[in-house]
Amino acid sequence: TRLEVARTVPSLDEAQRREVLELLARCQVAEGRRADAAATFTA
C-alpha cells in the first residue's frame, strides 16, 4: 500500500524509483501476487 503511493511521487530520483519498484515486486511475490509482480518488474 505504501509503495503504490511512493511510486507516484514525482520527486523520486532514479535510485529511489528503482528501489520502490524492486521492493514492490518482492512484496507482491511474498503475497502470492505473481502477475502484479511480473508487471512491476516489467516496468
PDB file of all heavy atoms in Angstrom:
ATOM      1  N   THR A   1       0.829  -1.210   0.000  1.00  0.00           N
ATOM      2  CA  THR A   1       0.000   0.000   0.000  1.00  0.00           C
ATOM      3  C   THR A   1       0.863   1.260   0.000  1.00  0.00           C
ATOM      4  O   THR A   1       0.608   2.212  -0.751  1.00  0.00           O
ATOM      5  CB  THR A   1      -0.928   0.002   1.227  1.00  0.00           C
ATOM      6  OG1 THR A   1      -1.766  -1.162   1.180  1.00  0.00           O
ATOM      7  CG2 THR A   1      -1.806   1.246   1.236  1.00  0.00           C
ATOM      8  N   ARG A   2       1.901   1.279   0.852  1.00  0.00           N
ATOM      9  CA  ARG A   2       2.775   2.445   0.915  1.00  0.00           C
ATOM     10  C   ARG A   2       3.568   2.616  -0.382  1.00  0.00           C
ATOM     11  O   ARG A   2       3.746   3.725  -0.883  1.00  0.00           O
ATOM     12  CB  ARG A   2       3.763   2.325   2.088  1.00  0.00           C
ATOM     13  CG  ARG A   2       3.153   2.107   3.449  1.00  0.00           C
ATOM     14  CD  ARG A   2       2.165   3.194   3.872  1.00  0.00           C
ATOM     15  NE  ARG A   2       1.839   3.096   5.275  1.00  0.00           N
ATOM     16  CZ  ARG A   2       0.977   2.248   5.800  1.00  0.00           C
ATOM     17  NH1 ARG A   2       0.334   1.375   5.019  1.00  0.00           N
ATOM     18  NH2 ARG A   2       0.726   2.241   7.095  1.00  0.00           N
ATOM     19  N   LEU A   3       4.026   1.516  -0.937  1.00  0.00           N
ATOM     20  CA  LEU A   3       4.852   1.585  -2.143  1.00  0.00           C
ATOM     21  C   LEU A   3       4.055   2.031  -3.357  1.00  0.00           C
ATOM     22  O   LEU A   3       4.588   2.715  -4.250  1.00  0.00           O
ATOM     23  CB  LEU A   3       5.502   0.225  -2.410  1.00  0.00           C
ATOM     24  CG  LEU A   3       6.581  -0.175  -1.401  1.00  0.00           C
ATOM     25  CD1 LEU A   3       6.897  -1.667  -1.523  1.00  0.00           C
ATOM     26  CD2 LEU A   3       7.839   0.653  -1.618  1.00  0.00           C
ATOM     27  N   GLU A   4       2.780   1.656  -3.429  1.00  0.00           N
ATOM     28  CA  GLU A   4       1.939   2.111  -4.533  1.00  0.00           C
ATOM     29  C   GLU A   4       1.815   3.637  -4.514  1.00  0.00           C
ATOM     30  O   GLU A   4       1.725   4.282  -5.563  1.00  0.00           O
ATOM     31  CB  GLU A   4       0.554   1.450  -4.456  1.00  0.00           C
ATOM     32  CG  GLU A   4       0.553  -0.036  -4.752  1.00  0.00           C
ATOM     33  CD  GLU A   4       0.770  -0.361  -6.222  1.00  0.00           C
ATOM     34  OE1 GLU A   4       1.054   0.559  -7.010  1.00  0.00           O
ATOM     35  OE2 GLU A   4       0.681  -1.552  -6.575  1.00  0.00           O
ATOM     36  N   VAL A   5       1.779   4.210  -3.314  1.00  0.00           N
ATOM     37  CA  VAL A   5       1.763   5.674  -3.200  1.00  0.00           C
ATOM     38  C   VAL A   5       3.145   6.233  -3.514  1.00  0.00           C
ATOM     39  O   VAL A   5       3.284   7.224  -4.238  1.00  0.00           O
ATOM     40  CB  VAL A   5       1.314   6.115  -1.792  1.00  0.00           C
ATOM     41  CG1 VAL A   5       1.365   7.637  -1.669  1.00  0.00           C
ATOM     42  CG2 VAL A   5      -0.090   5.601  -1.490  1.00  0.00           C
ATOM     43  N   ALA A   6       4.184   5.601  -2.987  1.00  0.00           N
ATOM     44  CA  ALA A   6       5.549   6.095  -3.162  1.00  0.00           C
ATOM     45  C   ALA A   6       5.934   6.199  -4.642  1.00  0.00           C
ATOM     46  O   ALA A   6       6.615   7.144  -5.039  1.00  0.00           O
ATOM     47  CB  ALA A   6       6.535   5.186  -2.430  1.00  0.00           C
ATOM     48  N   ARG A   7       5.485   5.257  -5.461  1.00  0.00           N
ATOM     49  CA  ARG A   7       5.893   5.263  -6.871  1.00  0.00           C
ATOM     50  C   ARG A   7       5.227   6.387  -7.668  1.00  0.00           C
ATOM     51  O   ARG A   7       5.661   6.696  -8.780  1.00  0.00           O
ATOM     52  CB  ARG A   7       5.579   3.908  -7.513  1.00  0.00           C
ATOM     53  CG  ARG A   7       4.110   3.632  -7.761  1.00  0.00           C
ATOM     54  CD  ARG A   7       3.853   2.241  -8.290  1.00  0.00           C
ATOM     55  NE  ARG A   7       4.444   2.039  -9.610  1.00  0.00           N
ATOM     56  CZ  ARG A   7       4.243   0.950 -10.363  1.00  0.00           C
ATOM     57  NH1 ARG A   7       3.499  -0.054  -9.899  1.00  0.00           N
ATOM     58  NH2 ARG A   7       4.793   0.844 -11.546  1.00  0.00           N
ATOM     59  N   THR A   8       4.193   7.034  -7.113  1.00  0.00           N
ATOM     60  CA  THR A   8       3.513   8.137  -7.820  1.00  0.00           C
ATOM     61  C   THR A   8       4.117   9.494  -7.497  1.00  0.00           C
ATOM     62  O   THR A   8       3.713  10.492  -8.100  1.00  0.00           O
ATOM     63  CB  THR A   8       2.011   8.167  -7.461  1.00  0.00           C
ATOM     64  OG1 THR A   8       1.861   8.512  -6.071  1.00  0.00           O
ATOM     65  CG2 THR A   8       1.349   6.831  -7.722  1.00  0.00           C
ATOM     66  N   VAL A   9       5.061   9.556  -6.559  1.00  0.00           N
ATOM     67  CA  VAL A   9       5.643  10.846  -6.164  1.00  0.00           C
ATOM     68  C   VAL A   9       6.628  11.296  -7.240  1.00  0.00           C
ATOM     69  O   VAL A   9       7.618  10.616  -7.508  1.00  0.00           O
ATOM     70  CB  VAL A   9       6.345  10.723  -4.803  1.00  0.00           C
ATOM     71  CG1 VAL A   9       7.053  12.033  -4.444  1.00  0.00           C
ATOM     72  CG2 VAL A   9       5.335  10.357  -3.727  1.00  0.00           C
ATOM     73  N   PRO A  10       6.395  12.450  -7.889  1.00  0.00           N
ATOM     74  CA  PRO A  10       7.264  12.871  -8.993  1.00  0.00           C
ATOM     75  C   PRO A  10       8.696  13.175  -8.586  1.00  0.00           C
ATOM     76  O   PRO A  10       9.574  13.198  -9.435  1.00  0.00           O
ATOM     77  CB  PRO A  10       6.573  14.141  -9.518  1.00  0.00           C
ATOM     78  CG  PRO A  10       5.164  14.051  -9.053  1.00  0.00           C
ATOM     79  CD  PRO A  10       5.222  13.333  -7.737  1.00  0.00           C
ATOM     80  N   SER A  11       8.939  13.422  -7.294  1.00  0.00           N
ATOM     81  CA  SER A  11      10.293  13.794  -6.876  1.00  0.00           C
ATOM     82  C   SER A  11      11.220  12.595  -6.721  1.00  0.00           C
ATOM     83  O   SER A  11      12.380  12.757  -6.351  1.00  0.00           O
ATOM     84  CB  SER A  11      10.244  14.562  -5.548  1.00  0.00           C
ATOM     85  OG  SER A  11       9.728  13.741  -4.515  1.00  0.00           O
ATOM     86  N   LEU A  12      10.739  11.383  -6.999  1.00  0.00           N
ATOM     87  CA  LEU A  12      11.610  10.216  -6.921  1.00  0.00           C
ATOM     88  C   LEU A  12      12.782  10.367  -7.879  1.00  0.00           C
ATOM     89  O   LEU A  12      12.594  10.675  -9.062  1.00  0.00           O
ATOM     90  CB  LEU A  12      10.839   8.942  -7.296  1.00  0.00           C
ATOM     91  CG  LEU A  12       9.877   8.328  -6.280  1.00  0.00           C
ATOM     92  CD1 LEU A  12       9.238   7.096  -6.893  1.00  0.00           C
ATOM     93  CD2 LEU A  12      10.577   7.977  -4.985  1.00  0.00           C
ATOM     94  N   ASP A  13      13.992  10.147  -7.375  1.00  0.00           N
ATOM     95  CA  ASP A  13      15.121  10.105  -8.290  1.00  0.00           C
ATOM     96  C   ASP A  13      15.258   8.680  -8.831  1.00  0.00           C
ATOM     97  O   ASP A  13      14.487   7.779  -8.477  1.00  0.00           O
ATOM     98  CB  ASP A  13      16.409  10.595  -7.624  1.00  0.00           C
ATOM     99  CG  ASP A  13      16.827   9.751  -6.428  1.00  0.00           C
ATOM    100  OD1 ASP A  13      16.413   8.569  -6.338  1.00  0.00           O
ATOM    101  OD2 ASP A  13      17.561  10.269  -5.568  1.00  0.00           O
ATOM    102  N   GLU A  14      16.244   8.483  -9.692  1.00  0.00           N
ATOM    103  CA  GLU A  14      16.372   7.184 -10.361  1.00  0.00           C
ATOM    104  C   GLU A  14      16.598   6.049  -9.365  1.00  0.00           C
ATOM    105  O   GLU A  14      15.996   4.974  -9.482  1.00  0.00           O
ATOM    106  CB  GLU A  14      17.539   7.252 -11.359  1.00  0.00           C
ATOM    107  CG  GLU A  14      17.732   5.985 -12.182  1.00  0.00           C
ATOM    108  CD  GLU A  14      18.840   6.123 -13.200  1.00  0.00           C
ATOM    109  OE1 GLU A  14      19.081   7.255 -13.667  1.00  0.00           O
ATOM    110  OE2 GLU A  14      19.470   5.103 -13.525  1.00  0.00           O
ATOM    111  N   ALA A  15      17.464   6.293  -8.382  1.00  0.00           N
ATOM    112  CA  ALA A  15      17.761   5.242  -7.409  1.00  0.00           C
ATOM    113  C   ALA A  15      16.543   4.916  -6.551  1.00  0.00           C
ATOM    114  O   ALA A  15      16.268   3.735  -6.265  1.00  0.00           O
ATOM    115  CB  ALA A  15      18.932   5.670  -6.527  1.00  0.00           C
ATOM    116  N   GLN A  16      15.786   5.939  -6.134  1.00  0.00           N
ATOM    117  CA  GLN A  16      14.589   5.700  -5.333  1.00  0.00           C
ATOM    118  C   GLN A  16      13.531   4.963  -6.134  1.00  0.00           C
ATOM    119  O   GLN A  16      12.872   4.051  -5.626  1.00  0.00           O
ATOM    120  CB  GLN A  16      14.035   7.026  -4.816  1.00  0.00           C
ATOM    121  CG  GLN A  16      14.869   7.667  -3.727  1.00  0.00           C
ATOM    122  CD  GLN A  16      14.314   9.013  -3.309  1.00  0.00           C
ATOM    123  OE1 GLN A  16      13.656   9.702  -4.091  1.00  0.00           O
ATOM    124  NE2 GLN A  16      14.566   9.402  -2.076  1.00  0.00           N
ATOM    125  N   ARG A  17      13.368   5.358  -7.390  1.00  0.00           N
ATOM    126  CA  ARG A  17      12.370   4.683  -8.227  1.00  0.00           C
ATOM    127  C   ARG A  17      12.721   3.205  -8.394  1.00  0.00           C
ATOM    128  O   ARG A  17      11.860   2.327  -8.318  1.00  0.00           O
ATOM    129  CB  ARG A  17      12.287   5.355  -9.594  1.00  0.00           C
ATOM    130  CG  ARG A  17      11.214   4.751 -10.502  1.00  0.00           C
ATOM    131  CD  ARG A  17      11.169   5.452 -11.858  1.00  0.00           C
ATOM    132  NE  ARG A  17      10.079   4.942 -12.665  1.00  0.00           N
ATOM    133  CZ  ARG A  17      10.127   3.806 -13.367  1.00  0.00           C
ATOM    134  NH1 ARG A  17      11.220   3.061 -13.337  1.00  0.00           N
ATOM    135  NH2 ARG A  17       9.092   3.407 -14.071  1.00  0.00           N
ATOM    136  N   ARG A  18      14.016   2.928  -8.587  1.00  0.00           N
ATOM    137  CA  ARG A  18      14.458   1.545  -8.713  1.00  0.00           C
ATOM    138  C   ARG A  18      14.147   0.768  -7.437  1.00  0.00           C
ATOM    139  O   ARG A  18      13.632  -0.356  -7.483  1.00  0.00           O
ATOM    140  CB  ARG A  18      15.957   1.508  -8.993  1.00  0.00           C
ATOM    141  CG  ARG A  18      16.520   0.106  -9.198  1.00  0.00           C
ATOM    142  CD  ARG A  18      18.047   0.118  -9.251  1.00  0.00           C
ATOM    143  NE  ARG A  18      18.549   1.093 -10.202  1.00  0.00           N
ATOM    144  CZ  ARG A  18      19.308   2.141  -9.866  1.00  0.00           C
ATOM    145  NH1 ARG A  18      19.645   2.352  -8.599  1.00  0.00           N
ATOM    146  NH2 ARG A  18      19.739   2.968 -10.793  1.00  0.00           N
ATOM    147  N   GLU A  19      14.428   1.371  -6.292  1.00  0.00           N
ATOM    148  CA  GLU A  19      14.191   0.684  -5.022  1.00  0.00           C
ATOM    149  C   GLU A  19      12.707   0.453  -4.779  1.00  0.00           C
ATOM    150  O   GLU A  19      12.300  -0.621  -4.320  1.00  0.00           O
ATOM    151  CB  GLU A  19      14.781   1.475  -3.858  1.00  0.00           C
ATOM    152  CG  GLU A  19      14.606   0.774  -2.518  1.00  0.00           C
ATOM    153  CD  GLU A  19      15.135   1.558  -1.333  1.00  0.00           C
ATOM    154  OE1 GLU A  19      15.682   2.659  -1.544  1.00  0.00           O
ATOM    155  OE2 GLU A  19      14.982   1.082  -0.189  1.00  0.00           O
ATOM    156  N   VAL A  20      11.885   1.463  -5.099  1.00  0.00           N
ATOM    157  CA  VAL A  20      10.438   1.321  -4.909  1.00  0.00           C
ATOM    158  C   VAL A  20       9.907   0.147  -5.727  1.00  0.00           C
ATOM    159  O   VAL A  20       9.171  -0.714  -5.225  1.00  0.00           O
ATOM    160  CB  VAL A  20       9.714   2.623  -5.297  1.00  0.00           C
ATOM    161  CG1 VAL A  20       8.207   2.381  -5.440  1.00  0.00           C
ATOM    162  CG2 VAL A  20       9.962   3.714  -4.260  1.00  0.00           C
ATOM    163  N   LEU A  21      10.276   0.090  -7.010  1.00  0.00           N
ATOM    164  CA  LEU A  21       9.749  -0.961  -7.873  1.00  0.00           C
ATOM    165  C   LEU A  21      10.284  -2.335  -7.472  1.00  0.00           C
ATOM    166  O   LEU A  21       9.536  -3.331  -7.475  1.00  0.00           O
ATOM    167  CB  LEU A  21      10.086  -0.660  -9.331  1.00  0.00           C
ATOM    168  CG  LEU A  21       9.367   0.553  -9.932  1.00  0.00           C
ATOM    169  CD1 LEU A  21       9.849   0.804 -11.360  1.00  0.00           C
ATOM    170  CD2 LEU A  21       7.857   0.364  -9.917  1.00  0.00           C
ATOM    171  N   GLU A  22      11.573  -2.412  -7.138  1.00  0.00           N
ATOM    172  CA  GLU A  22      12.115  -3.714  -6.737  1.00  0.00           C
ATOM    173  C   GLU A  22      11.458  -4.207  -5.453  1.00  0.00           C
ATOM    174  O   GLU A  22      11.051  -5.378  -5.361  1.00  0.00           O
ATOM    175  CB  GLU A  22      13.626  -3.623  -6.543  1.00  0.00           C
ATOM    176  CG  GLU A  22      14.244  -4.959  -6.151  1.00  0.00           C
ATOM    177  CD  GLU A  22      15.736  -4.897  -5.901  1.00  0.00           C
ATOM    178  OE1 GLU A  22      16.342  -3.839  -6.155  1.00  0.00           O
ATOM    179  OE2 GLU A  22      16.287  -5.912  -5.431  1.00  0.00           O
ATOM    180  N   LEU A  23      11.342  -3.329  -4.450  1.00  0.00           N
ATOM    181  CA  LEU A  23      10.732  -3.738  -3.186  1.00  0.00           C
ATOM    182  C   LEU A  23       9.255  -4.086  -3.376  1.00  0.00           C
ATOM    183  O   LEU A  23       8.744  -5.049  -2.789  1.00  0.00           O
ATOM    184  CB  LEU A  23      10.884  -2.625  -2.153  1.00  0.00           C
ATOM    185  CG  LEU A  23      10.362  -2.924  -0.739  1.00  0.00           C
ATOM    186  CD1 LEU A  23      10.997  -4.184  -0.177  1.00  0.00           C
ATOM    187  CD2 LEU A  23      10.603  -1.732   0.179  1.00  0.00           C
ATOM    188  N   LEU A  24       8.574  -3.314  -4.226  1.00  0.00           N
ATOM    189  CA  LEU A  24       7.170  -3.596  -4.501  1.00  0.00           C
ATOM    190  C   LEU A  24       7.011  -4.982  -5.122  1.00  0.00           C
ATOM    191  O   LEU A  24       6.144  -5.774  -4.713  1.00  0.00           O
ATOM    192  CB  LEU A  24       6.591  -2.526  -5.425  1.00  0.00           C
ATOM    193  CG  LEU A  24       5.143  -2.717  -5.892  1.00  0.00           C
ATOM    194  CD1 LEU A  24       4.202  -2.799  -4.703  1.00  0.00           C
ATOM    195  CD2 LEU A  24       4.737  -1.578  -6.833  1.00  0.00           C
ATOM    196  N   ALA A  25       7.837  -5.308  -6.108  1.00  0.00           N
ATOM    197  CA  ALA A  25       7.749  -6.620  -6.754  1.00  0.00           C
ATOM    198  C   ALA A  25       8.043  -7.739  -5.763  1.00  0.00           C
ATOM    199  O   ALA A  25       7.372  -8.784  -5.754  1.00  0.00           O
ATOM    200  CB  ALA A  25       8.708  -6.686  -7.935  1.00  0.00           C
ATOM    201  N   ARG A  26       9.042  -7.545  -4.909  1.00  0.00           N
ATOM    202  CA  ARG A  26       9.370  -8.563  -3.905  1.00  0.00           C
ATOM    203  C   ARG A  26       8.190  -8.805  -2.956  1.00  0.00           C
ATOM    204  O   ARG A  26       7.865  -9.949  -2.620  1.00  0.00           O
ATOM    205  CB  ARG A  26      10.611  -8.134  -3.116  1.00  0.00           C
ATOM    206  CG  ARG A  26      11.918  -8.218  -3.904  1.00  0.00           C
ATOM    207  CD  ARG A  26      13.081  -7.650  -3.102  1.00  0.00           C
ATOM    208  NE  ARG A  26      14.338  -7.760  -3.804  1.00  0.00           N
ATOM    209  CZ  ARG A  26      15.172  -8.799  -3.728  1.00  0.00           C
ATOM    210  NH1 ARG A  26      14.855  -9.828  -2.946  1.00  0.00           N
ATOM    211  NH2 ARG A  26      16.303  -8.830  -4.398  1.00  0.00           N
ATOM    212  N   CYS A  27       7.562  -7.698  -2.514  1.00  0.00           N
ATOM    213  CA  CYS A  27       6.417  -7.835  -1.614  1.00  0.00           C
ATOM    214  C   CYS A  27       5.234  -8.502  -2.315  1.00  0.00           C
ATOM    215  O   CYS A  27       4.503  -9.299  -1.706  1.00  0.00           O
ATOM    216  CB  CYS A  27       6.005  -6.460  -1.077  1.00  0.00           C
ATOM    217  SG  CYS A  27       7.191  -5.717   0.060  1.00  0.00           S
ATOM    218  N   GLN A  28       5.042  -8.189  -3.589  1.00  0.00           N
ATOM    219  CA  GLN A  28       3.941  -8.803  -4.332  1.00  0.00           C
ATOM    220  C   GLN A  28       4.160 -10.308  -4.486  1.00  0.00           C
ATOM    221  O   GLN A  28       3.209 -11.093  -4.383  1.00  0.00           O
ATOM    222  CB  GLN A  28       3.808  -8.124  -5.700  1.00  0.00           C
ATOM    223  CG  GLN A  28       3.228  -6.723  -5.606  1.00  0.00           C
ATOM    224  CD  GLN A  28       3.364  -5.927  -6.901  1.00  0.00           C
ATOM    225  OE1 GLN A  28       4.293  -6.166  -7.688  1.00  0.00           O
ATOM    226  NE2 GLN A  28       2.459  -4.984  -7.120  1.00  0.00           N
ATOM    227  N   VAL A  29       5.397 -10.729  -4.715  1.00  0.00           N
ATOM    228  CA  VAL A  29       5.690 -12.166  -4.766  1.00  0.00           C
ATOM    229  C   VAL A  29       5.395 -12.803  -3.413  1.00  0.00           C
ATOM    230  O   VAL A  29       4.790 -13.881  -3.326  1.00  0.00           O
ATOM    231  CB  VAL A  29       7.152 -12.414  -5.176  1.00  0.00           C
ATOM    232  CG1 VAL A  29       7.490 -13.903  -5.044  1.00  0.00           C
ATOM    233  CG2 VAL A  29       7.403 -11.959  -6.610  1.00  0.00           C
ATOM    234  N   ALA A  30       5.811 -12.140  -2.336  1.00  0.00           N
ATOM    235  CA  ALA A  30       5.584 -12.676  -0.989  1.00  0.00           C
ATOM    236  C   ALA A  30       4.098 -12.843  -0.685  1.00  0.00           C
ATOM    237  O   ALA A  30       3.705 -13.742   0.057  1.00  0.00           O
ATOM    238  CB  ALA A  30       6.227 -11.764   0.055  1.00  0.00           C
ATOM    239  N   GLU A  31       3.258 -11.972  -1.286  1.00  0.00           N
ATOM    240  CA  GLU A  31       1.812 -12.051  -1.087  1.00  0.00           C
ATOM    241  C   GLU A  31       1.132 -12.977  -2.096  1.00  0.00           C
ATOM    242  O   GLU A  31      -0.090 -13.076  -2.121  1.00  0.00           O
ATOM    243  CB  GLU A  31       1.196 -10.654  -1.187  1.00  0.00           C
ATOM    244  CG  GLU A  31       1.458  -9.764   0.015  1.00  0.00           C
ATOM    245  CD  GLU A  31       0.691 -10.224   1.230  1.00  0.00           C
ATOM    246  OE1 GLU A  31      -0.547 -10.199   1.211  1.00  0.00           O
ATOM    247  OE2 GLU A  31       1.342 -10.656   2.212  1.00  0.00           O
ATOM    248  N   GLY A  32       1.921 -13.625  -2.953  1.00  0.00           N
ATOM    249  CA  GLY A  32       1.356 -14.535  -3.945  1.00  0.00           C
ATOM    250  C   GLY A  32       0.785 -13.845  -5.165  1.00  0.00           C
ATOM    251  O   GLY A  32       0.082 -14.477  -5.960  1.00  0.00           O
ATOM    252  N   ARG A  33       1.100 -12.567  -5.347  1.00  0.00           N
ATOM    253  CA  ARG A  33       0.571 -11.809  -6.491  1.00  0.00           C
ATOM    254  C   ARG A  33       1.588 -11.811  -7.630  1.00  0.00           C
ATOM    255  O   ARG A  33       2.201 -10.814  -7.959  1.00  0.00           O
ATOM    256  CB  ARG A  33       0.232 -10.389  -6.035  1.00  0.00           C
ATOM    257  CG  ARG A  33      -0.877 -10.334  -5.000  1.00  0.00           C
ATOM    258  CD  ARG A  33      -0.996  -8.994  -4.315  1.00  0.00           C
ATOM    259  NE  ARG A  33      -1.130  -7.869  -5.233  1.00  0.00           N
ATOM    260  CZ  ARG A  33      -1.285  -6.604  -4.867  1.00  0.00           C
ATOM    261  NH1 ARG A  33      -1.353  -6.300  -3.569  1.00  0.00           N
ATOM    262  NH2 ARG A  33      -1.379  -5.644  -5.750  1.00  0.00           N
ATOM    263  N   ARG A  34       1.772 -12.976  -8.241  1.00  0.00           N
ATOM    264  CA  ARG A  34       2.815 -13.152  -9.261  1.00  0.00           C
ATOM    265  C   ARG A  34       2.590 -12.261 -10.479  1.00  0.00           C
ATOM    266  O   ARG A  34       3.541 -11.686 -11.023  1.00  0.00           O
ATOM    267  CB  ARG A  34       2.893 -14.617  -9.684  1.00  0.00           C
ATOM    268  CG  ARG A  34       3.496 -15.540  -8.644  1.00  0.00           C
ATOM    269  CD  ARG A  34       3.461 -16.980  -9.142  1.00  0.00           C
ATOM    270  NE  ARG A  34       4.210 -17.140 -10.395  1.00  0.00           N
ATOM    271  CZ  ARG A  34       5.471 -17.569 -10.452  1.00  0.00           C
ATOM    272  NH1 ARG A  34       6.127 -17.871  -9.343  1.00  0.00           N
ATOM    273  NH2 ARG A  34       6.078 -17.701 -11.615  1.00  0.00           N
ATOM    274  N   ALA A  35       1.350 -12.158 -10.944  1.00  0.00           N
ATOM    275  CA  ALA A  35       1.084 -11.341 -12.132  1.00  0.00           C
ATOM    276  C   ALA A  35       1.413  -9.873 -11.869  1.00  0.00           C
ATOM    277  O   ALA A  35       1.997  -9.190 -12.723  1.00  0.00           O
ATOM    278  CB  ALA A  35      -0.371 -11.496 -12.555  1.00  0.00           C
ATOM    279  N   ASP A  36       1.033  -9.384 -10.689  1.00  0.00           N
ATOM    280  CA  ASP A  36       1.347  -8.000 -10.343  1.00  0.00           C
ATOM    281  C   ASP A  36       2.853  -7.805 -10.227  1.00  0.00           C
ATOM    282  O   ASP A  36       3.399  -6.781 -10.655  1.00  0.00           O
ATOM    283  CB  ASP A  36       0.678  -7.614  -9.023  1.00  0.00           C
ATOM    284  CG  ASP A  36      -0.830  -7.514  -9.139  1.00  0.00           C
ATOM    285  OD1 ASP A  36      -1.322  -7.321 -10.275  1.00  0.00           O
ATOM    286  OD2 ASP A  36      -1.518  -7.627  -8.115  1.00  0.00           O
ATOM    287  N   ALA A  37       3.542  -8.774  -9.640  1.00  0.00           N
ATOM    288  CA  ALA A  37       4.996  -8.680  -9.506  1.00  0.00           C
ATOM    289  C   ALA A  37       5.675  -8.671 -10.876  1.00  0.00           C
ATOM    290  O   ALA A  37       6.628  -7.911 -11.111  1.00  0.00           O
ATOM    291  CB  ALA A  37       5.522  -9.843  -8.665  1.00  0.00           C
ATOM    292  N   ALA A  38       5.176  -9.497 -11.796  1.00  0.00           N
ATOM    293  CA  ALA A  38       5.737  -9.525 -13.149  1.00  0.00           C
ATOM    294  C   ALA A  38       5.550  -8.175 -13.837  1.00  0.00           C
ATOM    295  O   ALA A  38       6.459  -7.679 -14.521  1.00  0.00           O
ATOM    296  CB  ALA A  38       5.089 -10.640 -13.961  1.00  0.00           C
ATOM    297  N   ALA A  39       4.378  -7.555 -13.652  1.00  0.00           N
ATOM    298  CA  ALA A  39       4.121  -6.240 -14.250  1.00  0.00           C
ATOM    299  C   ALA A  39       5.046  -5.184 -13.641  1.00  0.00           C
ATOM    300  O   ALA A  39       5.532  -4.289 -14.350  1.00  0.00           O
ATOM    301  CB  ALA A  39       2.661  -5.846 -14.040  1.00  0.00           C
ATOM    302  N   THR A  40       5.303  -5.282 -12.340  1.00  0.00           N
ATOM    303  CA  THR A  40       6.197  -4.328 -11.685  1.00  0.00           C
ATOM    304  C   THR A  40       7.623  -4.502 -12.178  1.00  0.00           C
ATOM    305  O   THR A  40       8.317  -3.526 -12.472  1.00  0.00           O
ATOM    306  CB  THR A  40       6.137  -4.504 -10.159  1.00  0.00           C
ATOM    307  OG1 THR A  40       4.794  -4.323  -9.716  1.00  0.00           O
ATOM    308  CG2 THR A  40       7.023  -3.485  -9.468  1.00  0.00           C
ATOM    309  N   PHE A  41       8.084  -5.749 -12.276  1.00  0.00           N
ATOM    310  CA  PHE A  41       9.426  -5.996 -12.812  1.00  0.00           C
ATOM    311  C   PHE A  41       9.527  -5.527 -14.262  1.00  0.00           C
ATOM    312  O   PHE A  41      10.568  -5.013 -14.687  1.00  0.00           O
ATOM    313  CB  PHE A  41       9.775  -7.484 -12.724  1.00  0.00           C
ATOM    314  CG  PHE A  41      10.342  -7.913 -11.402  1.00  0.00           C
ATOM    315  CD1 PHE A  41       9.894  -9.077 -10.778  1.00  0.00           C
ATOM    316  CD2 PHE A  41      11.327  -7.160 -10.770  1.00  0.00           C
ATOM    317  CE1 PHE A  41      10.425  -9.475  -9.556  1.00  0.00           C
ATOM    318  CE2 PHE A  41      11.857  -7.554  -9.543  1.00  0.00           C
ATOM    319  CZ  PHE A  41      11.406  -8.712  -8.944  1.00  0.00           C
ATOM    320  N   THR A  42       8.453  -5.681 -15.025  1.00  0.00           N
ATOM    321  CA  THR A  42       8.453  -5.210 -16.412  1.00  0.00           C
ATOM    322  C   THR A  42       8.637  -3.702 -16.470  1.00  0.00           C
ATOM    323  O   THR A  42       9.423  -3.191 -17.278  1.00  0.00           O
ATOM    324  CB  THR A  42       7.144  -5.609 -17.110  1.00  0.00           C
ATOM    325  OG1 THR A  42       7.046  -7.038 -17.154  1.00  0.00           O
ATOM    326  CG2 THR A  42       7.099  -5.066 -18.535  1.00  0.00           C
ATOM    327  N   ALA A  43       7.921  -2.970 -15.609  1.00  0.00           N
ATOM    328  CA  ALA A  43       8.079  -1.510 -15.565  1.00  0.00           C
ATOM    329  C   ALA A  43       9.510  -1.130 -15.198  1.00  0.00           C
ATOM    330  O   ALA A  43      10.077  -0.173 -15.757  1.00  0.00           O
ATOM    331  CB  ALA A  43       7.098  -0.917 -14.555  1.00  0.00           C
TER     332      ALA A  43
END
